[in-house]
């Protein structure tokens, strides 16, 4: 697994390069409080990249009651996904 320095170094190397170079970011990068996984980077129009962010529960500190049932877990995942999308769009 690569670390955050590797991630930022790769970003610096592809800065200003053709968009296809972003495919070089595919991989898993460990940051101090989370893990970033770039599974697919697709730069073609109307295609989607696949990025996963994993935050350990002790770091995220969600109340355990939000994870008690599948319905609650799904609701939390939906909420977090919507917030992330809004933050990215902003």
PDB file of N, CA and C in Angstrom:
ATOM      1  N   UNK A   1       0.850  -1.172   0.000  1.00  0.00           N
ATOM      2  CA  UNK A   1       0.000   0.000   0.000  1.00  0.00           C
ATOM      3  C   UNK A   1       0.901   1.244   0.000  1.00  0.00           C
ATOM      4  N   UNK A   2       0.530   2.204  -0.793  1.00  0.00           N
ATOM      5  CA  UNK A   2       1.282   3.449  -0.871  1.00  0.00           C
ATOM      6  C   UNK A   2       0.781   4.406   0.206  1.00  0.00           C
ATOM      7  N   UNK A   3       1.554   5.452   0.472  1.00  0.00           N
ATOM      8  CA  UNK A   3       1.127   6.412   1.484  1.00  0.00           C
ATOM      9  C   UNK A   3       0.775   7.755   0.845  1.00  0.00           C
ATOM     10  N   UNK A   4       0.421   8.701   1.686  1.00  0.00           N
ATOM     11  CA  UNK A   4      -0.048   9.992   1.177  1.00  0.00           C
ATOM     12  C   UNK A   4       1.035  10.722   0.393  1.00  0.00           C
ATOM     13  N   UNK A   5       2.293  10.549   0.781  1.00  0.00           N
ATOM     14  CA  UNK A   5       3.374  11.198   0.037  1.00  0.00           C
ATOM     15  C   UNK A   5       3.429  10.675  -1.398  1.00  0.00           C
ATOM     16  N   UNK A   6       3.223   9.353  -1.553  1.00  0.00           N
ATOM     17  CA  UNK A   6       3.180   8.765  -2.896  1.00  0.00           C
ATOM     18  C   UNK A   6       2.029   9.356  -3.709  1.00  0.00           C
ATOM     19  N   UNK A   7       0.878   9.507  -3.061  1.00  0.00           N
ATOM     20  CA  UNK A   7      -0.296  10.054  -3.741  1.00  0.00           C
ATOM     21  C   UNK A   7      -0.020  11.473  -4.248  1.00  0.00           C
ATOM     22  N   UNK A   8       0.491  12.321  -3.357  1.00  0.00           N
ATOM     23  CA  UNK A   8       0.740  13.705  -3.749  1.00  0.00           C
ATOM     24  C   UNK A   8       1.887  13.818  -4.750  1.00  0.00           C
ATOM     25  N   UNK A   9       2.850  12.932  -4.651  1.00  0.00           N
ATOM     26  CA  UNK A   9       3.936  12.928  -5.625  1.00  0.00           C
ATOM     27  C   UNK A   9       3.392  12.581  -7.013  1.00  0.00           C
ATOM     28  N   UNK A  10       2.536  11.561  -7.072  1.00  0.00           N
ATOM     29  CA  UNK A  10       1.939  11.180  -8.351  1.00  0.00           C
ATOM     30  C   UNK A  10       1.076  12.306  -8.905  1.00  0.00           C
ATOM     31  N   UNK A  11       0.312  12.967  -8.036  1.00  0.00           N
ATOM     32  CA  UNK A  11      -0.492  14.106  -8.482  1.00  0.00           C
ATOM     33  C   UNK A  11       0.387  15.191  -9.087  1.00  0.00           C
ATOM     34  N   UNK A  12       1.492  15.473  -8.428  1.00  0.00           N
ATOM     35  CA  UNK A  12       2.412  16.477  -8.936  1.00  0.00           C
ATOM     36  C   UNK A  12       2.995  16.108 -10.285  1.00  0.00           C
ATOM     37  N   UNK A  13       3.258  14.823 -10.482  1.00  0.00           N
ATOM     38  CA  UNK A  13       3.840  14.363 -11.740  1.00  0.00           C
ATOM     39  C   UNK A  13       2.855  14.453 -12.902  1.00  0.00           C
ATOM     40  N   UNK A  14       1.569  14.278 -12.622  1.00  0.00           N
ATOM     41  CA  UNK A  14       0.596  14.290 -13.720  1.00  0.00           C
ATOM     42  C   UNK A  14      -0.053  15.654 -13.905  1.00  0.00           C
ATOM     43  N   UNK A  15       0.249  16.593 -13.016  1.00  0.00           N
ATOM     44  CA  UNK A  15      -0.315  17.938 -13.137  1.00  0.00           C
ATOM     45  C   UNK A  15       0.062  18.539 -14.490  1.00  0.00           C
ATOM     46  N   UNK A  16      -0.951  18.980 -15.218  1.00  0.00           N
ATOM     47  CA  UNK A  16      -0.728  19.579 -16.524  1.00  0.00           C
ATOM     48  C   UNK A  16      -0.584  18.586 -17.659  1.00  0.00           C
ATOM     49  N   UNK A  17      -0.609  17.297 -17.346  1.00  0.00           N
ATOM     50  CA  UNK A  17      -0.490  16.250 -18.362  1.00  0.00           C
ATOM     51  C   UNK A  17      -1.879  15.922 -18.911  1.00  0.00           C
ATOM     52  N   UNK A  18      -1.956  15.146 -19.996  1.00  0.00           N
ATOM     53  CA  UNK A  18      -3.265  14.728 -20.517  1.00  0.00           C
ATOM     54  C   UNK A  18      -4.061  13.964 -19.443  1.00  0.00           C
ATOM     55  N   UNK A  19      -5.379  14.079 -19.512  1.00  0.00           N
ATOM     56  CA  UNK A  19      -6.242  13.440 -18.513  1.00  0.00           C
ATOM     57  C   UNK A  19      -5.998  11.949 -18.365  1.00  0.00           C
ATOM     58  N   UNK A  20      -5.559  11.294 -19.433  1.00  0.00           N
ATOM     59  CA  UNK A  20      -5.317   9.851 -19.370  1.00  0.00           C
ATOM     60  C   UNK A  20      -4.282   9.505 -18.303  1.00  0.00           C
ATOM     61  N   UNK A  21      -3.424  10.450 -17.955  1.00  0.00           N
ATOM     62  CA  UNK A  21      -2.382  10.196 -16.953  1.00  0.00           C
ATOM     63  C   UNK A  21      -2.973   9.947 -15.559  1.00  0.00           C
ATOM     64  N   UNK A  22      -4.206  10.386 -15.338  1.00  0.00           N
ATOM     65  CA  UNK A  22      -4.824  10.171 -14.027  1.00  0.00           C
ATOM     66  C   UNK A  22      -5.052   8.688 -13.743  1.00  0.00           C
ATOM     67  N   UNK A  23      -5.010   7.874 -14.770  1.00  0.00           N
ATOM     68  CA  UNK A  23      -5.109   6.429 -14.556  1.00  0.00           C
ATOM     69  C   UNK A  23      -3.928   5.920 -13.742  1.00  0.00           C
ATOM     70  N   UNK A  24      -2.843   6.679 -13.686  1.00  0.00           N
ATOM     71  CA  UNK A  24      -1.686   6.304 -12.868  1.00  0.00           C
ATOM     72  C   UNK A  24      -2.012   6.333 -11.380  1.00  0.00           C
ATOM     73  N   UNK A  25      -3.115   6.965 -11.014  1.00  0.00           N
ATOM     74  CA  UNK A  25      -3.508   7.048  -9.603  1.00  0.00           C
ATOM     75  C   UNK A  25      -4.214   5.790  -9.109  1.00  0.00           C
ATOM     76  N   UNK A  26      -4.474   4.844  -9.988  1.00  0.00           N
ATOM     77  CA  UNK A  26      -5.153   3.621  -9.554  1.00  0.00           C
ATOM     78  C   UNK A  26      -4.276   2.923  -8.518  1.00  0.00           C
ATOM     79  N   UNK A  27      -4.879   2.638  -7.390  1.00  0.00           N
ATOM     80  CA  UNK A  27      -4.161   1.986  -6.305  1.00  0.00           C
ATOM     81  C   UNK A  27      -4.756   2.380  -4.970  1.00  0.00           C
ATOM     82  N   UNK A  28      -4.104   1.950  -3.907  1.00  0.00           N
ATOM     83  CA  UNK A  28      -4.571   2.220  -2.548  1.00  0.00           C
ATOM     84  C   UNK A  28      -3.529   3.083  -1.842  1.00  0.00           C
ATOM     85  N   UNK A  29      -4.014   4.138  -1.198  1.00  0.00           N
ATOM     86  CA  UNK A  29      -3.141   5.088  -0.532  1.00  0.00           C
ATOM     87  C   UNK A  29      -3.575   5.243   0.922  1.00  0.00           C
ATOM     88  N   UNK A  30      -2.624   5.080   1.832  1.00  0.00           N
ATOM     89  CA  UNK A  30      -2.939   5.178   3.254  1.00  0.00           C
ATOM     90  C   UNK A  30      -2.584   6.567   3.779  1.00  0.00           C
ATOM     91  N   UNK A  31      -3.596   7.233   4.325  1.00  0.00           N
ATOM     92  CA  UNK A  31      -3.425   8.520   4.970  1.00  0.00           C
ATOM     93  C   UNK A  31      -3.523   8.287   6.476  1.00  0.00           C
ATOM     94  N   UNK A  32      -3.165   9.250   7.308  1.00  0.00           N
ATOM     95  CA  UNK A  32      -3.193   9.012   8.754  1.00  0.00           C
ATOM     96  C   UNK A  32      -4.562   8.601   9.307  1.00  0.00           C
ATOM     97  N   UNK A  33      -5.650   9.166   8.767  1.00  0.00           N
ATOM     98  CA  UNK A  33      -6.966   8.889   9.340  1.00  0.00           C
ATOM     99  C   UNK A  33      -7.915   8.138   8.412  1.00  0.00           C
ATOM    100  N   UNK A  34      -7.449   7.815   7.207  1.00  0.00           N
ATOM    101  CA  UNK A  34      -8.306   7.087   6.272  1.00  0.00           C
ATOM    102  C   UNK A  34      -7.457   6.425   5.198  1.00  0.00           C
ATOM    103  N   UNK A  35      -8.116   5.564   4.424  1.00  0.00           N
ATOM    104  CA  UNK A  35      -7.479   4.899   3.294  1.00  0.00           C
ATOM    105  C   UNK A  35      -8.262   5.266   2.040  1.00  0.00           C
ATOM    106  N   UNK A  36      -7.558   5.714   1.019  1.00  0.00           N
ATOM    107  CA  UNK A  36      -8.147   6.106  -0.255  1.00  0.00           C
ATOM    108  C   UNK A  36      -7.810   5.037  -1.283  1.00  0.00           C
ATOM    109  N   UNK A  37      -8.841   4.501  -1.927  1.00  0.00           N
ATOM    110  CA  UNK A  37      -8.628   3.483  -2.961  1.00  0.00           C
ATOM    111  C   UNK A  37      -9.201   3.986  -4.280  1.00  0.00           C
ATOM    112  N   UNK A  38      -8.335   4.113  -5.249  1.00  0.00           N
ATOM    113  CA  UNK A  38      -8.736   4.498  -6.604  1.00  0.00           C
ATOM    114  C   UNK A  38      -8.803   3.196  -7.402  1.00  0.00           C
ATOM    115  N   UNK A  39     -10.011   2.682  -7.610  1.00  0.00           N
ATOM    116  CA  UNK A  39     -10.166   1.400  -8.290  1.00  0.00           C
ATOM    117  C   UNK A  39     -10.265   1.563  -9.800  1.00  0.00           C
ATOM    118  N   UNK A  40     -10.869   2.661 -10.218  1.00  0.00           N
ATOM    119  CA  UNK A  40     -11.015   2.902 -11.659  1.00  0.00           C
ATOM    120  C   UNK A  40     -11.026   4.411 -11.888  1.00  0.00           C
ATOM    121  N   UNK A  41     -10.224   4.852 -12.831  1.00  0.00           N
ATOM    122  CA  UNK A  41     -10.193   6.254 -13.221  1.00  0.00           C
ATOM    123  C   UNK A  41     -10.517   6.288 -14.704  1.00  0.00           C
ATOM    124  N   UNK A  42     -11.677   6.823 -15.011  1.00  0.00           N
ATOM    125  CA  UNK A  42     -12.123   6.858 -16.404  1.00  0.00           C
ATOM    126  C   UNK A  42     -12.323   8.313 -16.804  1.00  0.00           C
ATOM    127  N   UNK A  43     -11.523   8.767 -17.734  1.00  0.00           N
ATOM    128  CA  UNK A  43     -11.557  10.181 -18.122  1.00  0.00           C
ATOM    129  C   UNK A  43     -12.426  10.439 -19.339  1.00  0.00           C
ATOM    130  N   UNK A  44     -13.001   9.391 -19.890  1.00  0.00           N
ATOM    131  CA  UNK A  44     -13.868   9.586 -21.054  1.00  0.00           C
ATOM    132  C   UNK A  44     -15.190  10.210 -20.625  1.00  0.00           C
ATOM    133  N   UNK A  45     -15.795  10.951 -21.538  1.00  0.00           N
ATOM    134  CA  UNK A  45     -17.046  11.636 -21.238  1.00  0.00           C
ATOM    135  C   UNK A  45     -18.135  10.636 -20.843  1.00  0.00           C
ATOM    136  N   UNK A  46     -18.923  11.021 -19.840  1.00  0.00           N
ATOM    137  CA  UNK A  46     -20.045  10.216 -19.341  1.00  0.00           C
ATOM    138  C   UNK A  46     -19.613   8.887 -18.742  1.00  0.00           C
ATOM    139  N   UNK A  47     -18.368   8.763 -18.347  1.00  0.00           N
ATOM    140  CA  UNK A  47     -17.886   7.569 -17.650  1.00  0.00           C
ATOM    141  C   UNK A  47     -17.613   7.939 -16.204  1.00  0.00           C
ATOM    142  N   UNK A  48     -17.585   6.958 -15.350  1.00  0.00           N
ATOM    143  CA  UNK A  48     -17.402   7.238 -13.931  1.00  0.00           C
ATOM    144  C   UNK A  48     -16.179   6.524 -13.388  1.00  0.00           C
ATOM    145  N   UNK A  49     -15.499   7.226 -12.521  1.00  0.00           N
ATOM    146  CA  UNK A  49     -14.389   6.637 -11.802  1.00  0.00           C
ATOM    147  C   UNK A  49     -14.937   5.978 -10.547  1.00  0.00           C
ATOM    148  N   UNK A  50     -14.157   5.080  -9.966  1.00  0.00           N
ATOM    149  CA  UNK A  50     -14.569   4.395  -8.746  1.00  0.00           C
ATOM    150  C   UNK A  50     -13.529   4.670  -7.670  1.00  0.00           C
ATOM    151  N   UNK A  51     -13.953   5.420  -6.654  1.00  0.00           N
ATOM    152  CA  UNK A  51     -13.078   5.808  -5.560  1.00  0.00           C
ATOM    153  C   UNK A  51     -13.732   5.386  -4.250  1.00  0.00           C
ATOM    154  N   UNK A  52     -12.954   4.799  -3.361  1.00  0.00           N
ATOM    155  CA  UNK A  52     -13.454   4.383  -2.056  1.00  0.00           C
ATOM    156  C   UNK A  52     -12.627   5.055  -0.969  1.00  0.00           C
ATOM    157  N   UNK A  53     -13.306   5.575   0.042  1.00  0.00           N
ATOM    158  CA  UNK A  53     -12.633   6.139   1.209  1.00  0.00           C
ATOM    159  C   UNK A  53     -13.065   5.319   2.411  1.00  0.00           C
ATOM    160  N   UNK A  54     -12.096   4.751   3.129  1.00  0.00           N
ATOM    161  CA  UNK A  54     -12.390   3.963   4.331  1.00  0.00           C
ATOM    162  C   UNK A  54     -11.883   4.704   5.549  1.00  0.00           C
ATOM    163  N   UNK A  55     -12.803   4.960   6.470  1.00  0.00           N
ATOM    164  CA  UNK A  55     -12.458   5.626   7.723  1.00  0.00           C
ATOM    165  C   UNK A  55     -12.782   4.656   8.851  1.00  0.00           C
ATOM    166  N   UNK A  56     -11.804   4.267   9.651  1.00  0.00           N
ATOM    167  CA  UNK A  56     -12.077   3.336  10.745  1.00  0.00           C
ATOM    168  C   UNK A  56     -13.101   3.915  11.726  1.00  0.00           C
ATOM    169  N   UNK A  57     -13.932   3.065  12.284  1.00  0.00           N
ATOM    170  CA  UNK A  57     -14.973   3.499  13.209  1.00  0.00           C
ATOM    171  C   UNK A  57     -14.409   4.313  14.383  1.00  0.00           C
ATOM    172  N   UNK A  58     -13.270   3.930  14.961  1.00  0.00           N
ATOM    173  CA  UNK A  58     -12.747   4.762  16.062  1.00  0.00           C
ATOM    174  C   UNK A  58     -12.427   6.195  15.618  1.00  0.00           C
ATOM    175  N   UNK A  59     -12.076   6.387  14.372  1.00  0.00           N
ATOM    176  CA  UNK A  59     -11.798   7.725  13.854  1.00  0.00           C
ATOM    177  C   UNK A  59     -13.112   8.426  13.507  1.00  0.00           C
ATOM    178  N   UNK A  60     -14.016   7.719  12.834  1.00  0.00           N
ATOM    179  CA  UNK A  60     -15.290   8.312  12.410  1.00  0.00           C
ATOM    180  C   UNK A  60     -16.180   8.636  13.606  1.00  0.00           C
ATOM    181  N   UNK A  61     -16.131   7.816  14.627  1.00  0.00           N
ATOM    182  CA  UNK A  61     -16.882   8.028  15.878  1.00  0.00           C
ATOM    183  C   UNK A  61     -18.389   8.135  15.675  1.00  0.00           C
ATOM    184  N   UNK A  62     -18.942   7.345  14.772  1.00  0.00           N
ATOM    185  CA  UNK A  62     -20.398   7.329  14.625  1.00  0.00           C
ATOM    186  C   UNK A  62     -21.006   6.612  15.824  1.00  0.00           C
ATOM    187  N   UNK A  63     -22.142   7.091  16.313  1.00  0.00           N
ATOM    188  CA  UNK A  63     -22.792   6.381  17.411  1.00  0.00           C
ATOM    189  C   UNK A  63     -23.092   4.942  16.996  1.00  0.00           C
ATOM    190  N   UNK A  64     -22.766   3.974  17.832  1.00  0.00           N
ATOM    191  CA  UNK A  64     -23.009   2.567  17.482  1.00  0.00           C
ATOM    192  C   UNK A  64     -24.455   2.277  17.098  1.00  0.00           C
ATOM    193  N   UNK A  65     -25.394   3.057  17.620  1.00  0.00           N
ATOM    194  CA  UNK A  65     -26.804   2.818  17.298  1.00  0.00           C
ATOM    195  C   UNK A  65     -27.096   3.030  15.816  1.00  0.00           C
ATOM    196  N   UNK A  66     -26.269   3.823  15.119  1.00  0.00           N
ATOM    197  CA  UNK A  66     -26.479   4.042  13.689  1.00  0.00           C
ATOM    198  C   UNK A  66     -26.051   2.849  12.853  1.00  0.00           C
ATOM    199  N   UNK A  67     -25.384   1.895  13.473  1.00  0.00           N
ATOM    200  CA  UNK A  67     -24.901   0.716  12.758  1.00  0.00           C
ATOM    201  C   UNK A  67     -25.584  -0.565  13.229  1.00  0.00           C
ATOM    202  N   UNK A  68     -26.569  -0.425  14.131  1.00  0.00           N
ATOM    203  CA  UNK A  68     -27.221  -1.586  14.751  1.00  0.00           C
ATOM    204  C   UNK A  68     -27.971  -2.490  13.784  1.00  0.00           C
ATOM    205  N   UNK A  69     -28.657  -1.897  12.821  1.00  0.00           N
ATOM    206  CA  UNK A  69     -29.486  -2.688  11.916  1.00  0.00           C
ATOM    207  C   UNK A  69     -29.097  -2.376  10.472  1.00  0.00           C
ATOM    208  N   UNK A  70     -29.419  -3.287   9.549  1.00  0.00           N
ATOM    209  CA  UNK A  70     -29.124  -3.010   8.138  1.00  0.00           C
ATOM    210  C   UNK A  70     -29.786  -1.729   7.634  1.00  0.00           C
ATOM    211  N   UNK A  71     -30.999  -1.435   8.093  1.00  0.00           N
ATOM    212  CA  UNK A  71     -31.695  -0.231   7.641  1.00  0.00           C
ATOM    213  C   UNK A  71     -30.963   1.022   8.118  1.00  0.00           C
ATOM    214  N   UNK A  72     -30.548   1.026   9.371  1.00  0.00           N
ATOM    215  CA  UNK A  72     -29.821   2.181   9.899  1.00  0.00           C
ATOM    216  C   UNK A  72     -28.462   2.346   9.216  1.00  0.00           C
ATOM    217  N   UNK A  73     -27.783   1.251   8.992  1.00  0.00           N
ATOM    218  CA  UNK A  73     -26.486   1.304   8.320  1.00  0.00           C
ATOM    219  C   UNK A  73     -26.638   1.866   6.900  1.00  0.00           C
ATOM    220  N   UNK A  74     -27.670   1.399   6.185  1.00  0.00           N
ATOM    221  CA  UNK A  74     -27.921   1.893   4.833  1.00  0.00           C
ATOM    222  C   UNK A  74     -28.265   3.378   4.858  1.00  0.00           C
ATOM    223  N   UNK A  75     -29.049   3.802   5.828  1.00  0.00           N
ATOM    224  CA  UNK A  75     -29.406   5.221   5.942  1.00  0.00           C
ATOM    225  C   UNK A  75     -28.154   6.071   6.182  1.00  0.00           C
ATOM    226  N   UNK A  76     -27.271   5.606   7.047  1.00  0.00           N
ATOM    227  CA  UNK A  76     -26.029   6.339   7.306  1.00  0.00           C
ATOM    228  C   UNK A  76     -25.163   6.397   6.053  1.00  0.00           C
ATOM    229  N   UNK A  77     -25.034   5.278   5.364  1.00  0.00           N
ATOM    230  CA  UNK A  77     -24.240   5.245   4.126  1.00  0.00           C
ATOM    231  C   UNK A  77     -24.818   6.194   3.083  1.00  0.00           C
ATOM    232  N   UNK A  78     -26.140   6.216   2.959  1.00  0.00           N
ATOM    233  CA  UNK A  78     -26.794   7.105   2.010  1.00  0.00           C
ATOM    234  C   UNK A  78     -26.536   8.563   2.370  1.00  0.00           C
ATOM    235  N   UNK A  79     -26.684   8.884   3.629  1.00  0.00           N
ATOM    236  CA  UNK A  79     -26.447  10.256   4.098  1.00  0.00           C
ATOM    237  C   UNK A  79     -25.010  10.683   3.803  1.00  0.00           C
ATOM    238  N   UNK A  80     -24.057   9.829   4.142  1.00  0.00           N
ATOM    239  CA  UNK A  80     -22.651  10.173   3.921  1.00  0.00           C
ATOM    240  C   UNK A  80     -22.332  10.332   2.439  1.00  0.00           C
ATOM    241  N   UNK A  81     -22.906   9.471   1.617  1.00  0.00           N
ATOM    242  CA  UNK A  81     -22.673   9.561   0.174  1.00  0.00           C
ATOM    243  C   UNK A  81     -23.231  10.864  -0.376  1.00  0.00           C
ATOM    244  N   UNK A  82     -24.420  11.251   0.062  1.00  0.00           N
ATOM    245  CA  UNK A  82     -25.016  12.512  -0.400  1.00  0.00           C
ATOM    246  C   UNK A  82     -24.183  13.711   0.052  1.00  0.00           C
ATOM    247  N   UNK A  83     -23.688  13.678   1.280  1.00  0.00           N
ATOM    248  CA  UNK A  83     -22.853  14.785   1.771  1.00  0.00           C
ATOM    249  C   UNK A  83     -21.544  14.875   1.004  1.00  0.00           C
ATOM    250  N   UNK A  84     -20.958  13.727   0.710  1.00  0.00           N
ATOM    251  CA  UNK A  84     -19.711  13.706  -0.045  1.00  0.00           C
ATOM    252  C   UNK A  84     -19.931  14.266  -1.449  1.00  0.00           C
ATOM    253  N   UNK A  85     -21.014  13.852  -2.073  1.00  0.00           N
ATOM    254  CA  UNK A  85     -21.300  14.350  -3.422  1.00  0.00           C
ATOM    255  C   UNK A  85     -21.490  15.871  -3.407  1.00  0.00           C
ATOM    256  N   UNK A  86     -22.215  16.372  -2.419  1.00  0.00           N
ATOM    257  CA  UNK A  86     -22.435  17.818  -2.322  1.00  0.00           C
ATOM    258  C   UNK A  86     -21.110  18.555  -2.122  1.00  0.00           C
ATOM    259  N   UNK A  87     -20.232  17.971  -1.304  1.00  0.00           N
ATOM    260  CA  UNK A  87     -18.932  18.603  -1.060  1.00  0.00           C
ATOM    261  C   UNK A  87     -18.084  18.606  -2.323  1.00  0.00           C
ATOM    262  N   UNK A  88     -18.128  17.529  -3.078  1.00  0.00           N
ATOM    263  CA  UNK A  88     -17.352  17.447  -4.319  1.00  0.00           C
ATOM    264  C   UNK A  88     -17.877  18.447  -5.338  1.00  0.00           C
ATOM    265  N   UNK A  89     -19.194  18.540  -5.447  1.00  0.00           N
ATOM    266  CA  UNK A  89     -19.791  19.469  -6.409  1.00  0.00           C
ATOM    267  C   UNK A  89     -19.537  20.931  -6.032  1.00  0.00           C
ATOM    268  N   UNK A  90     -19.414  21.191  -4.736  1.00  0.00           N
ATOM    269  CA  UNK A  90     -19.149  22.570  -4.281  1.00  0.00           C
ATOM    270  C   UNK A  90     -17.728  22.932  -4.616  1.00  0.00           C
TER     271      UNK A  90
END
